Amino acid sequence: MAADADGQKPSIARVYDYLLGGKDNYPVDREIGDHFKVNLPGSVAIARTNRGALIRAVRTLARGGVRQFIDLGSGLPTADNVHQVAQRHQPGAAVVYVDTDPTVLAHGRALVAGNESTTVVDGDVRDPDAIRHHPDTERLIDFGQPVGVILSAVLHHLEDDEDPAGIVRHWAGLIVPGSHVFISHFRSGHNAETEAAQAKLIGTFGRGRWRTDTELHALFGTLSLQPPGIVPAVRWRPDLCEEARTPTVWEQLIAAGLARKA
C-alpha cells in the first residue's frame, strides 16, 4: 500500500490530511478531497469524527495505565497525535508509528525528532511479524507489558483475501492480558451515501471494502469488546459537549470499537 512521494498519484494519507485541514498534500490529493467536499457534502465529517474517536481511545487507555502504543497505518501527523495524547497522561509513554507512505514517514520523523520514546517505522500492516521484530519496535515496546494496538481507518483499505481479521488475530496473539486493540472502520450503511463514497475511493485507489456490523464484530475475534461496543465513531465515548447530538448519515459510516485481551 505504499504511495509515491512526488505527488503524481493521490495518496490515501494525504487526502485524509487535506480533509482534516492539513497542508501536507498535493493538487492530485486535493482534487479527490474536493470531490468529497463539493459532491458529497457532509462526508468530511467521516475524517473528523474518526480522528476524535482515536484521540478519546488513546486518552482512555493512557489514563487507564497503558504506557505503550503501536499505531498501524498511522497517516500524516495532525493535531493531537497519538504520542502527544498518550504522553500528556503518561509521561514517557512509548509510541511506535507504522506506515509505508514516504510523505508520512518523512513528516512523522520530523515531528518526533528528539522524542526518545517515540519512533516512526516503515512497515506494512499486512506484515505484522516484520513490524513486531523491527529494531525500533523491539527497542521501545516491551511485549511482556500491556500494549495499545491501534488500527484506525486502515483495515477498510484491505481486501478480504488480505485477511484483516487474521492481522488483528496475529497482534492479539502477541500482546499480554490487559492490552487493548482499537479499530475504526468504514461501516456499510446500505444507502446512497455509502455507495457513492465507496465507489469514489475504490475507483481512485483500486482497493477498499466497507464492512457490515457483523463483519466489524468478527474483526475483533475473541477479544473482549468494551462498552459501548462497536458504534459510530462520533458516539464512541463522546465528550460531554457531544453527547446530545444525533449522528448524521455520514457520521454513521465510520464505526469504532475498543477491545481488551483478558
Protein backbone atom coordinates (compact mmCIF):
# COMPACT_ATOMS: atom_id res chain seq x y z
CA MET A 1 0.00 0.00 0.00
CA ALA A 2 2.96 2.30 -0.49
CA ALA A 3 2.39 5.69 -2.14
CA ASP A 4 4.58 7.86 -4.33
CA ALA A 5 6.47 10.77 -2.80
CA ASP A 6 6.36 13.18 -5.74
CA GLY A 7 2.64 13.90 -5.82
CA GLN A 8 1.95 12.33 -9.21
CA LYS A 9 -0.61 9.93 -7.76
CA PRO A 10 -3.10 10.55 -4.94
CA SER A 11 -2.19 9.22 -1.52
CA ILE A 12 -4.75 7.95 0.99
CA ALA A 13 -2.81 9.60 3.81
CA ARG A 14 -2.55 12.96 2.02
CA VAL A 15 -6.23 13.01 1.04
CA TYR A 16 -7.09 12.35 4.68
CA ASP A 17 -4.70 15.12 5.72
CA TYR A 18 -6.43 17.54 3.35
CA LEU A 19 -9.88 16.66 4.65
CA LEU A 20 -8.65 17.34 8.20
CA GLY A 21 -7.37 20.78 7.18
CA GLY A 22 -3.69 19.85 6.87
CA LYS A 23 -1.17 21.24 4.41
CA ASP A 24 0.91 18.15 3.61
CA ASN A 25 -0.83 17.31 0.34
CA TYR A 26 -0.62 17.90 -3.41
CA PRO A 27 -3.10 19.10 -6.05
CA VAL A 28 -3.84 15.49 -7.03
CA ASP A 29 -4.86 14.80 -3.41
CA ARG A 30 -6.93 17.96 -3.13
CA GLU A 31 -8.80 17.02 -6.29
CA ILE A 32 -10.03 13.86 -4.58
CA GLY A 33 -10.73 15.70 -1.33
CA ASP A 34 -12.68 18.39 -3.13
CA HIS A 35 -14.88 15.75 -4.72
CA PHE A 36 -15.96 14.73 -1.23
CA LYS A 37 -16.36 18.34 -0.07
CA VAL A 38 -18.35 19.50 -3.10
CA ASN A 39 -20.18 16.46 -4.44
CA LEU A 40 -20.72 14.58 -1.18
CA PRO A 41 -21.40 17.42 1.27
CA GLY A 42 -21.12 16.31 4.86
CA SER A 43 -18.75 13.45 4.07
CA VAL A 44 -15.76 15.30 5.54
CA ALA A 45 -17.30 14.50 8.93
CA ILE A 46 -16.11 10.91 8.43
CA ALA A 47 -12.48 12.01 8.81
CA ARG A 48 -13.15 14.42 11.67
CA THR A 49 -15.21 12.06 13.79
CA ASN A 50 -12.78 9.20 13.23
CA ARG A 51 -9.94 11.39 14.48
CA GLY A 52 -11.95 12.37 17.53
CA ALA A 53 -12.62 8.75 18.46
CA LEU A 54 -8.92 7.91 18.10
CA ILE A 55 -7.95 10.73 20.46
CA ARG A 56 -10.51 9.63 23.03
CA ALA A 57 -9.39 6.00 22.80
CA VAL A 58 -5.73 6.84 23.38
CA ARG A 59 -6.70 9.13 26.24
CA THR A 60 -8.84 6.36 27.77
CA LEU A 61 -6.02 3.82 27.59
CA ALA A 62 -3.33 6.17 28.87
CA ARG A 63 -5.49 7.24 31.81
CA GLY A 64 -6.06 3.54 32.48
CA GLY A 65 -2.33 2.92 32.78
CA VAL A 66 -1.31 1.77 29.29
CA ARG A 67 2.17 3.12 28.54
CA GLN A 68 2.89 1.56 25.13
CA PHE A 69 1.18 2.09 21.79
CA ILE A 70 1.64 0.79 18.24
CA ASP A 71 -0.22 2.88 15.65
CA LEU A 72 -0.55 0.82 12.47
CA GLY A 73 -1.14 2.80 9.28
CA SER A 74 -0.74 5.98 11.28
CA GLY A 75 -1.10 8.52 8.47
CA LEU A 76 0.20 12.07 8.42
CA PRO A 77 0.72 13.97 11.68
CA THR A 78 -2.07 16.32 12.66
CA ALA A 79 -3.30 17.95 15.87
CA ASP A 80 -3.21 15.75 18.98
CA ASN A 81 -1.23 12.83 17.61
CA VAL A 82 -1.10 9.54 19.49
CA HIS A 83 2.21 10.23 21.21
CA GLN A 84 1.09 13.71 22.29
CA VAL A 85 -2.15 12.42 23.80
CA ALA A 86 -0.52 9.39 25.43
CA GLN A 87 2.43 11.31 26.86
CA ARG A 88 0.14 14.03 28.18
CA HIS A 89 -1.39 11.45 30.52
CA GLN A 90 1.56 9.02 30.78
CA PRO A 91 4.85 10.95 30.54
CA GLY A 92 7.41 8.85 28.73
CA ALA A 93 4.83 6.56 27.13
CA ALA A 94 6.33 4.64 24.20
CA VAL A 95 4.73 5.07 20.77
CA VAL A 96 5.63 3.32 17.51
CA TYR A 97 4.02 4.78 14.39
CA VAL A 98 3.92 2.47 11.37
CA ASP A 99 3.28 3.43 7.74
CA THR A 100 4.59 2.88 4.22
CA ASP A 101 3.79 6.27 2.68
CA PRO A 102 7.06 8.19 2.10
CA THR A 103 5.41 11.51 2.95
CA VAL A 104 4.08 10.10 6.21
CA LEU A 105 7.49 8.70 7.12
CA ALA A 106 9.31 11.97 6.40
CA HIS A 107 6.87 14.24 8.22
CA GLY A 108 6.39 11.81 11.09
CA ARG A 109 10.12 11.51 11.71
CA ALA A 110 10.49 15.28 11.67
CA LEU A 111 7.68 15.60 14.20
CA VAL A 112 9.14 13.10 16.69
CA ALA A 113 12.80 14.04 16.30
CA GLY A 114 14.29 14.33 19.77
CA ASN A 115 11.45 12.37 21.40
CA GLU A 116 13.27 9.29 22.69
CA SER A 117 10.02 7.46 23.50
CA THR A 118 8.55 7.76 20.00
CA THR A 119 9.59 6.44 16.61
CA VAL A 120 8.27 6.08 13.06
CA VAL A 121 8.74 2.70 11.35
CA ASP A 122 8.48 1.89 7.65
CA GLY A 123 6.22 -1.15 7.77
CA ASP A 124 3.23 -2.70 6.03
CA VAL A 125 0.21 -3.53 8.16
CA ARG A 126 -0.08 -6.79 6.21
CA ASP A 127 3.27 -7.96 7.61
CA PRO A 128 2.86 -7.85 11.40
CA ASP A 129 5.90 -10.04 12.06
CA ALA A 130 8.21 -7.57 10.33
CA ILE A 131 6.73 -4.73 12.38
CA ARG A 132 6.97 -6.72 15.62
CA HIS A 133 10.64 -7.55 15.04
CA HIS A 134 11.71 -4.18 13.66
CA PRO A 135 14.66 -2.91 15.77
CA ASP A 136 12.81 0.26 16.75
CA THR A 137 9.76 -1.71 17.85
CA GLU A 138 11.92 -4.04 19.92
CA ARG A 139 13.74 -1.05 21.41
CA LEU A 140 10.60 0.72 22.61
CA ILE A 141 7.91 -1.92 23.15
CA ASP A 142 8.03 -4.47 25.94
CA PHE A 143 5.59 -7.16 24.87
CA GLY A 144 5.60 -8.51 28.40
CA GLN A 145 3.60 -5.42 29.42
CA PRO A 146 0.20 -4.15 28.17
CA VAL A 147 0.18 -2.54 24.73
CA GLY A 148 -2.43 -0.46 22.94
CA VAL A 149 -2.63 -1.60 19.31
CA ILE A 150 -4.28 0.97 17.05
CA LEU A 151 -5.83 0.19 13.66
CA SER A 152 -7.54 3.49 12.93
CA ALA A 153 -9.15 3.75 9.49
CA VAL A 154 -6.73 1.25 7.95
CA LEU A 155 -8.39 -2.18 7.72
CA HIS A 156 -11.04 -0.94 5.30
CA HIS A 157 -8.21 -0.46 2.78
CA LEU A 158 -7.58 -4.22 2.83
CA GLU A 159 -9.42 -6.73 0.69
CA ASP A 160 -10.91 -9.86 2.21
CA ASP A 161 -8.14 -12.04 0.74
CA GLU A 162 -5.60 -9.97 2.69
CA ASP A 163 -7.23 -11.32 5.85
CA PRO A 164 -7.73 -8.23 8.03
CA ALA A 165 -9.22 -10.39 10.80
CA GLY A 166 -6.08 -12.52 10.68
CA ILE A 167 -3.93 -9.42 11.16
CA VAL A 168 -5.89 -8.49 14.28
CA ARG A 169 -5.68 -12.08 15.48
CA HIS A 170 -1.91 -12.05 14.98
CA TRP A 171 -1.48 -8.94 17.13
CA ALA A 172 -3.86 -10.35 19.73
CA GLY A 173 -1.52 -13.33 19.99
CA LEU A 174 1.50 -11.09 20.56
CA ILE A 175 0.11 -8.92 23.36
CA VAL A 176 -0.41 -9.84 27.01
CA PRO A 177 -3.65 -9.70 29.01
CA GLY A 178 -4.54 -6.13 29.87
CA SER A 179 -3.61 -4.98 26.37
CA HIS A 180 -6.18 -3.39 24.06
CA VAL A 181 -6.93 -3.17 20.34
CA PHE A 182 -8.70 -0.12 18.91
CA ILE A 183 -10.26 -0.38 15.45
CA SER A 184 -12.14 2.17 13.39
CA HIS A 185 -13.52 1.15 10.01
CA PHE A 186 -15.87 2.27 7.25
CA ARG A 187 -19.30 0.85 8.01
CA SER A 188 -21.81 -0.26 5.41
CA GLY A 189 -24.86 1.96 5.58
CA HIS A 190 -26.84 0.30 2.77
CA ASN A 191 -27.61 3.75 1.40
CA ALA A 192 -26.66 6.09 -1.43
CA GLU A 193 -24.03 7.84 0.69
CA THR A 194 -22.16 4.60 1.36
CA GLU A 195 -22.27 3.61 -2.29
CA ALA A 196 -21.06 7.00 -3.53
CA ALA A 197 -18.17 7.28 -1.05
CA GLN A 198 -17.08 3.67 -1.56
CA ALA A 199 -17.19 3.98 -5.35
CA LYS A 200 -15.00 7.10 -5.29
CA LEU A 201 -12.35 5.64 -3.01
CA ILE A 202 -12.17 2.28 -4.78
CA GLY A 203 -12.17 3.99 -8.16
CA THR A 204 -9.27 6.21 -7.05
CA PHE A 205 -7.09 3.78 -5.10
CA GLY A 206 -8.17 0.47 -6.60
CA ARG A 207 -8.87 -1.16 -3.26
CA GLY A 208 -11.02 -0.96 -0.17
CA ARG A 209 -14.05 -2.55 1.40
CA TRP A 210 -16.89 -1.22 3.52
CA ARG A 211 -17.96 -3.89 6.04
CA THR A 212 -21.19 -4.70 7.83
CA ASP A 213 -21.67 -4.57 11.59
CA THR A 214 -21.39 -8.37 11.70
CA GLU A 215 -18.08 -8.25 9.81
CA LEU A 216 -16.77 -5.50 12.09
CA HIS A 217 -17.51 -7.61 15.16
CA ALA A 218 -15.70 -10.53 13.54
CA LEU A 219 -12.52 -8.44 13.19
CA PHE A 220 -12.12 -8.44 16.98
CA GLY A 221 -12.23 -12.24 17.19
CA THR A 222 -12.11 -13.47 20.79
CA LEU A 223 -11.04 -10.12 22.24
CA SER A 224 -13.45 -8.65 24.79
CA LEU A 225 -15.28 -5.63 23.38
CA GLN A 226 -15.50 -2.79 25.86
CA PRO A 227 -18.54 -0.50 26.29
CA PRO A 228 -20.20 0.88 24.26
CA GLY A 229 -19.20 -1.83 21.75
CA ILE A 230 -18.91 -1.03 18.05
CA VAL A 231 -20.74 2.23 17.38
CA PRO A 232 -20.45 5.22 15.02
CA ALA A 233 -17.14 6.88 15.89
CA VAL A 234 -18.88 10.08 16.95
CA ARG A 235 -20.79 8.04 19.56
CA TRP A 236 -17.73 6.21 20.90
CA ARG A 237 -17.40 7.61 24.44
CA PRO A 238 -18.19 11.16 23.33
CA ASP A 239 -17.15 14.14 25.42
CA LEU A 240 -19.94 15.84 27.35
CA CYS A 241 -20.35 18.57 24.73
CA GLU A 242 -21.12 15.94 22.07
CA GLU A 243 -23.39 13.56 23.96
CA ALA A 244 -26.73 15.05 22.95
CA ARG A 245 -26.02 15.27 19.22
CA THR A 246 -27.53 12.77 16.79
CA PRO A 247 -25.01 11.42 14.26
CA THR A 248 -25.52 12.49 10.65
CA VAL A 249 -25.85 9.85 7.94
CA TRP A 250 -22.18 10.46 7.08
CA GLU A 251 -21.03 10.13 10.68
CA GLN A 252 -22.72 6.75 10.83
CA LEU A 253 -20.44 5.46 8.06
CA ILE A 254 -17.33 5.24 10.27
CA ALA A 255 -17.54 2.95 13.30
CA ALA A 256 -15.14 2.41 16.20
CA GLY A 257 -14.59 -0.15 18.91
CA LEU A 258 -12.10 -0.96 21.65
CA ALA A 259 -11.41 -4.48 22.86
CA ARG A 260 -9.36 -5.86 25.73
CA LYS A 261 -7.33 -9.02 25.88
CA ALA A 262 -8.48 -10.86 29.00
